[in-house]
Amino acid sequence: MVNIPISEFKAKCLALLEQVRRTRMPIRITRHGKTVAEVIPPTAVLDRAAWIESMKDTFEITGDILSPANEESEWEALRD
């Protein structure tokens, strides 16, 4: 086993992650010639405002959304 300082290991790992981000190409990690993991670039992520806006006009409220779905007498937590 090769002992390298943690700071060097961290720097190399972060550099590889940056390479994946920049090139959008995955990296396969092997140990003794066998694949143990793959680092893949993330899928495109919409920011929160764009995500909410993307749902505009995709649903319609057709009933009462404030009242409970059933009567209070049916709630187990309110029973004596």
PDB file of N, CA and C in Angstrom:
ATOM      1  N   MET A   1       0.850  -1.173   0.000  1.00  0.00           N
ATOM      2  CA  MET A   1       0.000   0.000   0.000  1.00  0.00           C
ATOM      3  C   MET A   1       0.899   1.240   0.000  1.00  0.00           C
ATOM      4  N   VAL A   2       0.522   2.194  -0.808  1.00  0.00           N
ATOM      5  CA  VAL A   2       1.285   3.431  -0.909  1.00  0.00           C
ATOM      6  C   VAL A   2       0.645   4.459   0.009  1.00  0.00           C
ATOM      7  N   ASN A   3       1.452   5.063   0.860  1.00  0.00           N
ATOM      8  CA  ASN A   3       0.946   6.102   1.755  1.00  0.00           C
ATOM      9  C   ASN A   3       1.249   7.464   1.155  1.00  0.00           C
ATOM     10  N   ILE A   4       0.190   8.208   0.855  1.00  0.00           N
ATOM     11  CA  ILE A   4       0.361   9.582   0.393  1.00  0.00           C
ATOM     12  C   ILE A   4      -0.369  10.481   1.369  1.00  0.00           C
ATOM     13  N   PRO A   5       0.101  11.693   1.520  1.00  0.00           N
ATOM     14  CA  PRO A   5      -0.579  12.622   2.440  1.00  0.00           C
ATOM     15  C   PRO A   5      -2.031  12.844   2.020  1.00  0.00           C
ATOM     16  N   ILE A   6      -2.885  13.006   2.999  1.00  0.00           N
ATOM     17  CA  ILE A   6      -4.308  13.220   2.736  1.00  0.00           C
ATOM     18  C   ILE A   6      -4.518  14.439   1.852  1.00  0.00           C
ATOM     19  N   SER A   7      -3.753  15.496   2.073  1.00  0.00           N
ATOM     20  CA  SER A   7      -3.921  16.713   1.277  1.00  0.00           C
ATOM     21  C   SER A   7      -3.626  16.446  -0.201  1.00  0.00           C
ATOM     22  N   GLU A   8      -2.640  15.607  -0.482  1.00  0.00           N
ATOM     23  CA  GLU A   8      -2.312  15.269  -1.870  1.00  0.00           C
ATOM     24  C   GLU A   8      -3.428  14.428  -2.490  1.00  0.00           C
ATOM     25  N   PHE A   9      -3.931  13.457  -1.733  1.00  0.00           N
ATOM     26  CA  PHE A   9      -5.035  12.623  -2.207  1.00  0.00           C
ATOM     27  C   PHE A   9      -6.256  13.479  -2.504  1.00  0.00           C
ATOM     28  N   LYS A  10      -6.578  14.387  -1.577  1.00  0.00           N
ATOM     29  CA  LYS A  10      -7.727  15.269  -1.752  1.00  0.00           C
ATOM     30  C   LYS A  10      -7.560  16.141  -2.993  1.00  0.00           C
ATOM     31  N   ALA A  11      -6.379  16.690  -3.177  1.00  0.00           N
ATOM     32  CA  ALA A  11      -6.112  17.554  -4.331  1.00  0.00           C
ATOM     33  C   ALA A  11      -6.290  16.780  -5.631  1.00  0.00           C
ATOM     34  N   LYS A  12      -5.804  15.541  -5.672  1.00  0.00           N
ATOM     35  CA  LYS A  12      -5.936  14.725  -6.892  1.00  0.00           C
ATOM     36  C   LYS A  12      -7.401  14.377  -7.146  1.00  0.00           C
ATOM     37  N   CYS A  13      -8.142  14.027  -6.094  1.00  0.00           N
ATOM     38  CA  CYS A  13      -9.556  13.695  -6.250  1.00  0.00           C
ATOM     39  C   CYS A  13     -10.343  14.903  -6.743  1.00  0.00           C
ATOM     40  N   LEU A  14     -10.101  16.058  -6.155  1.00  0.00           N
ATOM     41  CA  LEU A  14     -10.804  17.262  -6.579  1.00  0.00           C
ATOM     42  C   LEU A  14     -10.468  17.633  -8.016  1.00  0.00           C
ATOM     43  N   ALA A  15      -9.216  17.411  -8.419  1.00  0.00           N
ATOM     44  CA  ALA A  15      -8.815  17.684  -9.797  1.00  0.00           C
ATOM     45  C   ALA A  15      -9.552  16.753 -10.763  1.00  0.00           C
ATOM     46  N   LEU A  16      -9.702  15.493 -10.388  1.00  0.00           N
ATOM     47  CA  LEU A  16     -10.431  14.546 -11.234  1.00  0.00           C
ATOM     48  C   LEU A  16     -11.910  14.920 -11.324  1.00  0.00           C
ATOM     49  N   LEU A  17     -12.500  15.329 -10.209  1.00  0.00           N
ATOM     50  CA  LEU A  17     -13.898  15.760 -10.229  1.00  0.00           C
ATOM     51  C   LEU A  17     -14.084  16.981 -11.124  1.00  0.00           C
ATOM     52  N   GLU A  18     -13.144  17.895 -11.075  1.00  0.00           N
ATOM     53  CA  GLU A  18     -13.201  19.083 -11.933  1.00  0.00           C
ATOM     54  C   GLU A  18     -13.069  18.689 -13.395  1.00  0.00           C
ATOM     55  N   GLN A  19     -12.227  17.701 -13.680  1.00  0.00           N
ATOM     56  CA  GLN A  19     -12.070  17.210 -15.046  1.00  0.00           C
ATOM     57  C   GLN A  19     -13.383  16.625 -15.566  1.00  0.00           C
ATOM     58  N   VAL A  20     -14.072  15.863 -14.743  1.00  0.00           N
ATOM     59  CA  VAL A  20     -15.371  15.290 -15.135  1.00  0.00           C
ATOM     60  C   VAL A  20     -16.368  16.404 -15.389  1.00  0.00           C
ATOM     61  N   ARG A  21     -16.400  17.393 -14.510  1.00  0.00           N
ATOM     62  CA  ARG A  21     -17.324  18.520 -14.691  1.00  0.00           C
ATOM     63  C   ARG A  21     -17.034  19.278 -15.978  1.00  0.00           C
ATOM     64  N   ARG A  22     -15.766  19.531 -16.222  1.00  0.00           N
ATOM     65  CA  ARG A  22     -15.354  20.344 -17.370  1.00  0.00           C
ATOM     66  C   ARG A  22     -15.546  19.608 -18.700  1.00  0.00           C
ATOM     67  N   THR A  23     -15.150  18.342 -18.765  1.00  0.00           N
ATOM     68  CA  THR A  23     -15.176  17.600 -20.025  1.00  0.00           C
ATOM     69  C   THR A  23     -16.490  16.862 -20.250  1.00  0.00           C
ATOM     70  N   ARG A  24     -17.300  16.695 -19.166  1.00  0.00           N
ATOM     71  CA  ARG A  24     -18.550  15.945 -19.223  1.00  0.00           C
ATOM     72  C   ARG A  24     -18.317  14.476 -19.574  1.00  0.00           C
ATOM     73  N   MET A  25     -17.090  13.990 -19.345  1.00  0.00           N
ATOM     74  CA  MET A  25     -16.723  12.598 -19.620  1.00  0.00           C
ATOM     75  C   MET A  25     -16.565  11.857 -18.291  1.00  0.00           C
ATOM     76  N   PRO A  26     -17.159  10.656 -18.171  1.00  0.00           N
ATOM     77  CA  PRO A  26     -17.045   9.911 -16.921  1.00  0.00           C
ATOM     78  C   PRO A  26     -15.645   9.341 -16.719  1.00  0.00           C
ATOM     79  N   ILE A  27     -15.342   9.021 -15.476  1.00  0.00           N
ATOM     80  CA  ILE A  27     -14.075   8.375 -15.120  1.00  0.00           C
ATOM     81  C   ILE A  27     -14.416   7.069 -14.411  1.00  0.00           C
ATOM     82  N   ARG A  28     -13.758   5.985 -14.812  1.00  0.00           N
ATOM     83  CA  ARG A  28     -13.956   4.680 -14.176  1.00  0.00           C
ATOM     84  C   ARG A  28     -12.813   4.453 -13.189  1.00  0.00           C
ATOM     85  N   ILE A  29     -13.166   4.086 -11.969  1.00  0.00           N
ATOM     86  CA  ILE A  29     -12.180   3.833 -10.917  1.00  0.00           C
ATOM     87  C   ILE A  29     -12.050   2.320 -10.742  1.00  0.00           C
ATOM     88  N   THR A  30     -10.819   1.836 -10.799  1.00  0.00           N
ATOM     89  CA  THR A  30     -10.585   0.394 -10.685  1.00  0.00           C
ATOM     90  C   THR A  30      -9.671   0.096  -9.505  1.00  0.00           C
ATOM     91  N   ARG A  31      -9.770  -1.135  -9.036  1.00  0.00           N
ATOM     92  CA  ARG A  31      -8.876  -1.622  -7.986  1.00  0.00           C
ATOM     93  C   ARG A  31      -8.514  -3.047  -8.362  1.00  0.00           C
ATOM     94  N   HIS A  32      -7.232  -3.301  -8.498  1.00  0.00           N
ATOM     95  CA  HIS A  32      -6.740  -4.606  -8.931  1.00  0.00           C
ATOM     96  C   HIS A  32      -7.378  -5.018 -10.254  1.00  0.00           C
ATOM     97  N   GLY A  33      -7.570  -4.048 -11.151  1.00  0.00           N
ATOM     98  CA  GLY A  33      -8.109  -4.322 -12.475  1.00  0.00           C
ATOM     99  C   GLY A  33      -9.619  -4.486 -12.543  1.00  0.00           C
ATOM    100  N   LYS A  34     -10.312  -4.354 -11.436  1.00  0.00           N
ATOM    101  CA  LYS A  34     -11.766  -4.495 -11.421  1.00  0.00           C
ATOM    102  C   LYS A  34     -12.415  -3.146 -11.118  1.00  0.00           C
ATOM    103  N   THR A  35     -13.465  -2.831 -11.851  1.00  0.00           N
ATOM    104  CA  THR A  35     -14.175  -1.562 -11.645  1.00  0.00           C
ATOM    105  C   THR A  35     -14.857  -1.548 -10.288  1.00  0.00           C
ATOM    106  N   VAL A  36     -14.615  -0.477  -9.536  1.00  0.00           N
ATOM    107  CA  VAL A  36     -15.264  -0.325  -8.233  1.00  0.00           C
ATOM    108  C   VAL A  36     -16.226   0.859  -8.208  1.00  0.00           C
ATOM    109  N   ALA A  37     -16.048   1.807  -9.127  1.00  0.00           N
ATOM    110  CA  ALA A  37     -16.926   2.979  -9.150  1.00  0.00           C
ATOM    111  C   ALA A  37     -16.762   3.717 -10.466  1.00  0.00           C
ATOM    112  N   GLU A  38     -17.761   4.534 -10.771  1.00  0.00           N
ATOM    113  CA  GLU A  38     -17.683   5.440 -11.900  1.00  0.00           C
ATOM    114  C   GLU A  38     -18.099   6.826 -11.427  1.00  0.00           C
ATOM    115  N   VAL A  39     -17.369   7.821 -11.856  1.00  0.00           N
ATOM    116  CA  VAL A  39     -17.722   9.206 -11.565  1.00  0.00           C
ATOM    117  C   VAL A  39     -18.282   9.767 -12.861  1.00  0.00           C
ATOM    118  N   ILE A  40     -19.560  10.155 -12.821  1.00  0.00           N
ATOM    119  CA  ILE A  40     -20.207  10.659 -14.024  1.00  0.00           C
ATOM    120  C   ILE A  40     -20.638  12.101 -13.810  1.00  0.00           C
ATOM    121  N   PRO A  41     -20.715  12.868 -14.887  1.00  0.00           N
ATOM    122  CA  PRO A  41     -21.153  14.259 -14.730  1.00  0.00           C
ATOM    123  C   PRO A  41     -22.629  14.297 -14.357  1.00  0.00           C
ATOM    124  N   PRO A  42     -23.046  15.314 -13.628  1.00  0.00           N
ATOM    125  CA  PRO A  42     -24.454  15.420 -13.243  1.00  0.00           C
ATOM    126  C   PRO A  42     -25.320  15.733 -14.454  1.00  0.00           C
ATOM    127  N   THR A  43     -26.583  15.325 -14.365  1.00  0.00           N
ATOM    128  CA  THR A  43     -27.526  15.698 -15.408  1.00  0.00           C
ATOM    129  C   THR A  43     -27.843  17.181 -15.260  1.00  0.00           C
ATOM    130  N   ALA A  44     -28.367  17.753 -16.304  1.00  0.00           N
ATOM    131  CA  ALA A  44     -28.708  19.176 -16.258  1.00  0.00           C
ATOM    132  C   ALA A  44     -29.733  19.416 -15.153  1.00  0.00           C
ATOM    133  N   VAL A  45     -29.513  20.436 -14.372  1.00  0.00           N
ATOM    134  CA  VAL A  45     -30.395  20.765 -13.260  1.00  0.00           C
ATOM    135  C   VAL A  45     -30.965  22.161 -13.483  1.00  0.00           C
ATOM    136  N   LEU A  46     -32.290  22.247 -13.454  1.00  0.00           N
ATOM    137  CA  LEU A  46     -32.932  23.551 -13.559  1.00  0.00           C
ATOM    138  C   LEU A  46     -32.849  24.261 -12.218  1.00  0.00           C
ATOM    139  N   ASP A  47     -32.687  25.564 -12.248  1.00  0.00           N
ATOM    140  CA  ASP A  47     -32.748  26.274 -10.974  1.00  0.00           C
ATOM    141  C   ASP A  47     -34.195  26.253 -10.480  1.00  0.00           C
ATOM    142  N   ARG A  48     -34.399  26.533  -9.215  1.00  0.00           N
ATOM    143  CA  ARG A  48     -35.721  26.392  -8.586  1.00  0.00           C
ATOM    144  C   ARG A  48     -36.801  27.207  -9.303  1.00  0.00           C
ATOM    145  N   ALA A  49     -36.489  28.447  -9.646  1.00  0.00           N
ATOM    146  CA  ALA A  49     -37.489  29.296 -10.302  1.00  0.00           C
ATOM    147  C   ALA A  49     -37.873  28.722 -11.663  1.00  0.00           C
ATOM    148  N   ALA A  50     -36.893  28.251 -12.423  1.00  0.00           N
ATOM    149  CA  ALA A  50     -37.179  27.676 -13.735  1.00  0.00           C
ATOM    150  C   ALA A  50     -37.981  26.390 -13.585  1.00  0.00           C
ATOM    151  N   TRP A  51     -37.678  25.594 -12.552  1.00  0.00           N
ATOM    152  CA  TRP A  51     -38.401  24.336 -12.320  1.00  0.00           C
ATOM    153  C   TRP A  51     -39.871  24.618 -12.020  1.00  0.00           C
ATOM    154  N   ILE A  52     -40.120  25.577 -11.136  1.00  0.00           N
ATOM    155  CA  ILE A  52     -41.505  25.912 -10.794  1.00  0.00           C
ATOM    156  C   ILE A  52     -42.219  26.487 -12.014  1.00  0.00           C
ATOM    157  N   GLU A  53     -41.551  27.350 -12.739  1.00  0.00           N
ATOM    158  CA  GLU A  53     -42.161  27.941 -13.928  1.00  0.00           C
ATOM    159  C   GLU A  53     -42.451  26.887 -14.996  1.00  0.00           C
ATOM    160  N   SER A  54     -41.637  25.826 -15.048  1.00  0.00           N
ATOM    161  CA  SER A  54     -41.842  24.788 -16.057  1.00  0.00           C
ATOM    162  C   SER A  54     -43.146  24.029 -15.835  1.00  0.00           C
ATOM    163  N   MET A  55     -43.722  24.113 -14.638  1.00  0.00           N
ATOM    164  CA  MET A  55     -44.973  23.417 -14.337  1.00  0.00           C
ATOM    165  C   MET A  55     -46.199  24.286 -14.595  1.00  0.00           C
ATOM    166  N   LYS A  56     -45.988  25.521 -15.017  1.00  0.00           N
ATOM    167  CA  LYS A  56     -47.087  26.448 -15.259  1.00  0.00           C
ATOM    168  C   LYS A  56     -48.086  25.834 -16.244  1.00  0.00           C
ATOM    169  N   ASP A  57     -49.379  25.945 -15.901  1.00  0.00           N
ATOM    170  CA  ASP A  57     -50.476  25.448 -16.735  1.00  0.00           C
ATOM    171  C   ASP A  57     -50.475  23.928 -16.921  1.00  0.00           C
ATOM    172  N   THR A  58     -49.872  23.189 -15.989  1.00  0.00           N
ATOM    173  CA  THR A  58     -49.859  21.727 -16.124  1.00  0.00           C
ATOM    174  C   THR A  58     -50.847  21.046 -15.191  1.00  0.00           C
ATOM    175  N   PHE A  59     -51.497  21.798 -14.303  1.00  0.00           N
ATOM    176  CA  PHE A  59     -52.485  21.194 -13.417  1.00  0.00           C
ATOM    177  C   PHE A  59     -53.598  22.188 -13.138  1.00  0.00           C
ATOM    178  N   GLU A  60     -54.690  21.641 -12.596  1.00  0.00           N
ATOM    179  CA  GLU A  60     -55.843  22.475 -12.291  1.00  0.00           C
ATOM    180  C   GLU A  60     -56.420  22.024 -10.950  1.00  0.00           C
ATOM    181  N   ILE A  61     -56.713  22.970 -10.074  1.00  0.00           N
ATOM    182  CA  ILE A  61     -57.340  22.660  -8.791  1.00  0.00           C
ATOM    183  C   ILE A  61     -58.831  22.523  -9.035  1.00  0.00           C
ATOM    184  N   THR A  62     -59.401  21.356  -8.659  1.00  0.00           N
ATOM    185  CA  THR A  62     -60.815  21.104  -8.960  1.00  0.00           C
ATOM    186  C   THR A  62     -61.685  20.984  -7.722  1.00  0.00           C
ATOM    187  N   GLY A  63     -61.097  21.116  -6.525  1.00  0.00           N
ATOM    188  CA  GLY A  63     -61.904  20.980  -5.316  1.00  0.00           C
ATOM    189  C   GLY A  63     -61.321  21.786  -4.179  1.00  0.00           C
ATOM    190  N   ASP A  64     -61.833  21.518  -2.982  1.00  0.00           N
ATOM    191  CA  ASP A  64     -61.397  22.207  -1.773  1.00  0.00           C
ATOM    192  C   ASP A  64     -60.045  21.643  -1.338  1.00  0.00           C
ATOM    193  N   ILE A  65     -59.015  22.469  -1.345  1.00  0.00           N
ATOM    194  CA  ILE A  65     -57.684  21.987  -0.963  1.00  0.00           C
ATOM    195  C   ILE A  65     -57.315  22.372   0.475  1.00  0.00           C
ATOM    196  N   LEU A  66     -58.221  23.043   1.187  1.00  0.00           N
ATOM    197  CA  LEU A  66     -57.938  23.471   2.551  1.00  0.00           C
ATOM    198  C   LEU A  66     -58.567  22.578   3.615  1.00  0.00           C
ATOM    199  N   SER A  67     -59.736  22.052   3.343  1.00  0.00           N
ATOM    200  CA  SER A  67     -60.441  21.226   4.329  1.00  0.00           C
ATOM    201  C   SER A  67     -59.797  19.844   4.428  1.00  0.00           C
ATOM    202  N   PRO A  68     -59.930  19.196   5.588  1.00  0.00           N
ATOM    203  CA  PRO A  68     -59.404  17.838   5.738  1.00  0.00           C
ATOM    204  C   PRO A  68     -60.057  16.875   4.739  1.00  0.00           C
ATOM    205  N   ALA A  69     -59.355  15.809   4.407  1.00  0.00           N
ATOM    206  CA  ALA A  69     -59.862  14.832   3.440  1.00  0.00           C
ATOM    207  C   ALA A  69     -60.990  13.991   4.025  1.00  0.00           C
ATOM    208  N   ASN A  70     -61.047  13.892   5.361  1.00  0.00           N
ATOM    209  CA  ASN A  70     -62.127  13.123   5.996  1.00  0.00           C
ATOM    210  C   ASN A  70     -62.623  13.865   7.235  1.00  0.00           C
ATOM    211  N   GLU A  71     -63.686  13.366   7.834  1.00  0.00           N
ATOM    212  CA  GLU A  71     -64.299  14.021   8.995  1.00  0.00           C
ATOM    213  C   GLU A  71     -63.428  13.844  10.240  1.00  0.00           C
ATOM    214  N   GLU A  72     -63.499  14.822  11.150  1.00  0.00           N
ATOM    215  CA  GLU A  72     -62.726  14.739  12.391  1.00  0.00           C
ATOM    216  C   GLU A  72     -63.067  13.502  13.195  1.00  0.00           C
ATOM    217  N   SER A  73     -64.311  13.021  13.102  1.00  0.00           N
ATOM    218  CA  SER A  73     -64.728  11.828  13.846  1.00  0.00           C
ATOM    219  C   SER A  73     -63.959  10.584  13.385  1.00  0.00           C
ATOM    220  N   GLU A  74     -63.377  10.632  12.200  1.00  0.00           N
ATOM    221  CA  GLU A  74     -62.619   9.497  11.671  1.00  0.00           C
ATOM    222  C   GLU A  74     -61.138   9.539  12.074  1.00  0.00           C
ATOM    223  N   TRP A  75     -60.702  10.624  12.721  1.00  0.00           N
ATOM    224  CA  TRP A  75     -59.299  10.771  13.085  1.00  0.00           C
ATOM    225  C   TRP A  75     -59.008   9.963  14.361  1.00  0.00           C
ATOM    226  N   GLU A  76     -58.137   9.027  14.271  1.00  0.00           N
ATOM    227  CA  GLU A  76     -57.766   8.197  15.418  1.00  0.00           C
ATOM    228  C   GLU A  76     -57.123   9.027  16.522  1.00  0.00           C
ATOM    229  N   ALA A  77     -56.360  10.035  16.157  1.00  0.00           N
ATOM    230  CA  ALA A  77     -55.660  10.855  17.153  1.00  0.00           C
ATOM    231  C   ALA A  77     -56.611  11.662  18.030  1.00  0.00           C
ATOM    232  N   LEU A  78     -57.842  11.936  17.571  1.00  0.00           N
ATOM    233  CA  LEU A  78     -58.797  12.735  18.327  1.00  0.00           C
ATOM    234  C   LEU A  78     -59.751  11.874  19.175  1.00  0.00           C
ATOM    235  N   ARG A  79     -59.640  10.563  19.040  1.00  0.00           N
ATOM    236  CA  ARG A  79     -60.524   9.684  19.820  1.00  0.00           C
ATOM    237  C   ARG A  79     -60.098   9.634  21.277  1.00  0.00           C
ATOM    238  N   ASP A  80     -61.069   9.469  22.200  1.00  0.00           N
ATOM    239  CA  ASP A  80     -60.771   9.382  23.643  1.00  0.00           C
ATOM    240  C   ASP A  80     -60.282   8.018  24.015  1.00  0.00           C
TER     241      ASP A  80
END
